[in-house]
């Protein structure tokens, strides 16, 4: 059984997808921790008629993380083809 696994070549897309999955998990974990910290950690001061915790957790942090997500999707993530046949021949199946 192990010999069969050694003979099979691992698809390089798995490494790319796994790396991007870890980046995405870290991104959303950081977002969750940031929002929870802002929600429960900030006081009840009013800024622009809104509670400070709401302004930070509901307006500012999502805007910052949307910009960060745009950067990740443009610069870090790769466009990975999902086609199982990577022989370079479009539309032809063996």
Foldseek 3Di string as FASTA:
>chain_A
DVVVVVPDDDDVVVVLVVVVVVVVVVLVVVLVVQLVCLQPPDDQDADPNHGRSCCVNPPVSVVVSVVVVVCCVVPPHDDDDPDPDDPVDPPDDD
